[in-house]
Amino acid sequence: MLPTPEQIEGYIKQGITCTHIQVEGDGQHFFATVVSPEFEGQRLVQRHQLVYAAMGDRMKAEVHALSIKAFTPEEFAKNSAA
């Protein structure tokens, strides 16, 4: 059974403190916008690694692709205002 966007969102929330999260997808390919204070001071690759770590082995078994936009709350507020 293919995972749903809601399940992917739940997996990420279990591993990362999120102030905002939105996941869309078709069961194999997902697009996630993740906003977390845990991203403060992290480079983009480190932010993605945090999300992948939250997903765990599901990235190998259940999810074919996960595109991530990772923001700190401040960055997200600036992006939303633009």
Protein backbone atom coordinates (compact mmCIF):
# COMPACT_ATOMS: atom_id res chain seq x y z
CA MET A 1 0.00 0.00 0.00
CA LEU A 2 1.36 3.40 -1.00
CA PRO A 3 1.80 6.07 1.68
CA THR A 4 -0.44 9.14 1.69
CA PRO A 5 0.71 12.75 2.02
CA GLU A 6 -0.84 12.74 5.51
CA GLN A 7 1.31 9.76 6.51
CA ILE A 8 4.47 11.43 5.19
CA GLU A 9 3.55 14.57 7.13
CA GLY A 10 3.12 12.47 10.27
CA TYR A 11 6.48 10.76 9.82
CA ILE A 12 8.25 14.11 9.48
CA LYS A 13 6.40 15.60 12.48
CA GLN A 14 7.51 12.65 14.62
CA GLY A 15 11.17 13.46 13.97
CA ILE A 16 11.22 17.25 13.64
CA THR A 17 9.49 20.08 15.50
CA CYS A 18 7.47 21.80 12.77
CA THR A 19 5.75 25.16 12.92
CA HIS A 20 4.30 24.53 9.45
CA ILE A 21 4.28 21.52 7.15
CA GLN A 22 2.57 20.82 3.86
CA VAL A 23 2.96 17.59 1.91
CA GLU A 24 1.52 16.80 -1.50
CA GLY A 25 2.05 13.73 -3.61
CA ASP A 26 0.75 10.74 -5.50
CA GLY A 27 1.92 7.86 -3.30
CA GLN A 28 5.46 7.64 -4.68
CA HIS A 29 6.54 11.21 -5.45
CA PHE A 30 6.07 13.78 -2.71
CA PHE A 31 6.67 17.50 -2.31
CA ALA A 32 7.13 18.79 1.25
CA THR A 33 7.40 22.30 2.63
CA VAL A 34 8.79 22.02 6.15
CA VAL A 35 9.25 24.96 8.53
CA SER A 36 11.19 24.24 11.71
CA PRO A 37 13.25 26.17 14.25
CA GLU A 38 15.59 23.15 14.16
CA PHE A 39 16.82 24.43 10.77
CA GLU A 40 18.37 27.54 12.38
CA GLY A 41 22.07 27.69 11.49
CA GLN A 42 21.82 24.63 9.23
CA ARG A 43 22.88 24.57 5.60
CA LEU A 44 20.35 23.34 3.05
CA VAL A 45 21.89 19.87 2.82
CA GLN A 46 21.81 19.54 6.63
CA ARG A 47 18.12 20.52 6.68
CA HIS A 48 17.34 17.87 4.08
CA GLN A 49 19.31 15.31 6.08
CA LEU A 50 17.14 16.07 9.12
CA VAL A 51 14.00 15.45 7.09
CA TYR A 52 15.41 12.24 5.59
CA ALA A 53 16.40 11.08 9.08
CA ALA A 54 12.82 11.68 10.25
CA MET A 55 11.60 9.55 7.35
CA GLY A 56 14.02 6.74 8.24
CA ASP A 57 13.89 3.54 6.21
CA ARG A 58 10.63 4.64 4.61
CA MET A 59 12.72 6.55 2.07
CA LYS A 60 14.17 3.26 0.87
CA ALA A 61 11.04 1.14 1.04
CA GLU A 62 7.91 3.28 0.62
CA VAL A 63 8.81 6.61 -0.98
CA HIS A 64 10.35 6.87 -4.43
CA ALA A 65 11.06 10.63 -4.31
CA LEU A 66 10.73 13.45 -1.80
CA SER A 67 11.30 17.04 -2.87
CA ILE A 68 11.90 19.28 0.14
CA LYS A 69 11.65 23.00 0.74
CA ALA A 70 13.07 23.57 4.23
CA PHE A 71 12.74 26.94 5.95
CA THR A 72 13.31 28.43 9.37
CA PRO A 73 10.20 30.22 10.71
CA GLU A 74 11.82 33.59 9.89
CA GLU A 75 12.64 32.55 6.31
CA PHE A 76 9.13 31.21 5.82
CA ALA A 77 7.58 34.45 7.10
CA LYS A 78 9.71 36.47 4.65
CA ASN A 79 8.81 34.12 1.76
CA SER A 80 5.10 34.27 2.61
CA ALA A 81 5.14 38.05 2.72
CA ALA A 82 6.76 38.32 -0.72
